[in-house]
Amino acid sequence: RGLASEIADDLNGSIPTVASPLRLTQTPPRTTLPPPRLGEHSRDVLKDILSLDEAELDQLASDGVIADPV
């Protein structure tokens, strides 16, 4: 049925995943990005939502509260 799929990933080569079950002829779904890595968006979210500055984010990272991206 074509549900098994793989996504190219710079770190892991390829990641097995499940493709979208939707079958659309005009706009077929595509999965081109790998899932986010641990901590990949933490700084952006904390900056945007809590308005933390770089010094505060660095302190949180050094204290082990947030993970820096792998």
Protein backbone atom coordinates (compact mmCIF):
# COMPACT_ATOMS: atom_id res chain seq x y z
CA ARG A 1 0.00 0.00 0.00
CA GLY A 2 3.02 2.28 -0.01
CA LEU A 3 2.83 3.29 3.65
CA ALA A 4 6.43 2.37 4.46
CA SER A 5 8.66 5.31 3.66
CA GLU A 6 12.13 6.63 4.44
CA ILE A 7 13.30 10.18 5.08
CA ALA A 8 16.87 11.23 4.33
CA ASP A 9 18.70 12.47 7.43
CA ASP A 10 22.18 14.03 7.55
CA LEU A 11 23.00 12.44 10.90
CA ASN A 12 21.42 8.98 10.59
CA GLY A 13 21.41 8.37 6.84
CA SER A 14 17.74 7.50 6.49
CA ILE A 15 14.88 7.20 8.95
CA PRO A 16 12.09 4.67 8.39
CA THR A 17 8.67 6.26 8.76
CA VAL A 18 5.02 5.81 7.88
CA ALA A 19 3.85 7.77 4.83
CA SER A 20 0.59 9.67 4.79
CA PRO A 21 -2.38 7.40 4.05
CA LEU A 22 -3.96 10.19 1.98
CA ARG A 23 -3.81 9.71 -1.76
CA LEU A 24 -4.37 13.04 -3.51
CA THR A 25 -3.79 13.25 -7.26
CA GLN A 26 -3.42 17.03 -7.53
CA THR A 27 -1.34 17.58 -4.38
CA PRO A 28 0.28 14.37 -3.17
CA PRO A 29 1.64 14.62 0.41
CA ARG A 30 5.41 14.72 0.78
CA THR A 31 7.54 14.19 3.84
CA THR A 32 10.93 15.72 3.18
CA LEU A 33 12.14 16.83 6.60
CA PRO A 34 13.36 14.50 9.33
CA PRO A 35 11.80 14.78 12.79
CA PRO A 36 13.31 17.48 15.01
CA ARG A 37 16.25 16.50 17.17
CA LEU A 38 16.22 16.86 20.95
CA GLY A 39 16.47 20.56 21.76
CA GLU A 40 16.41 21.68 18.14
CA HIS A 41 13.67 24.28 18.66
CA SER A 42 13.94 24.90 22.42
CA ARG A 43 15.78 28.20 22.15
CA ASP A 44 13.42 29.56 19.48
CA VAL A 45 10.33 28.65 21.49
CA LEU A 46 11.69 30.07 24.74
CA LYS A 47 12.74 33.29 22.98
CA ASP A 48 9.39 33.77 21.26
CA ILE A 49 7.04 32.75 24.07
CA LEU A 50 8.94 33.73 27.23
CA SER A 51 11.10 36.48 25.68
CA LEU A 52 14.28 35.03 27.19
CA ASP A 53 17.56 36.51 26.01
CA GLU A 54 20.69 34.62 24.96
CA ALA A 55 22.33 34.91 28.39
CA GLU A 56 19.31 33.33 30.08
CA LEU A 57 19.16 30.57 27.46
CA ASP A 58 22.88 29.87 27.89
CA GLN A 59 22.38 29.63 31.66
CA LEU A 60 19.49 27.19 31.22
CA ALA A 61 21.61 25.08 28.88
CA SER A 62 24.59 25.05 31.25
CA ASP A 63 22.29 24.08 34.13
CA GLY A 64 20.96 21.18 32.05
CA VAL A 65 17.41 22.54 31.98
CA ILE A 66 17.31 22.63 28.16
CA ALA A 67 19.28 20.48 25.77
CA ASP A 68 21.39 21.96 23.03
CA PRO A 69 20.74 20.31 19.66
CA VAL A 70 22.68 17.15 18.93
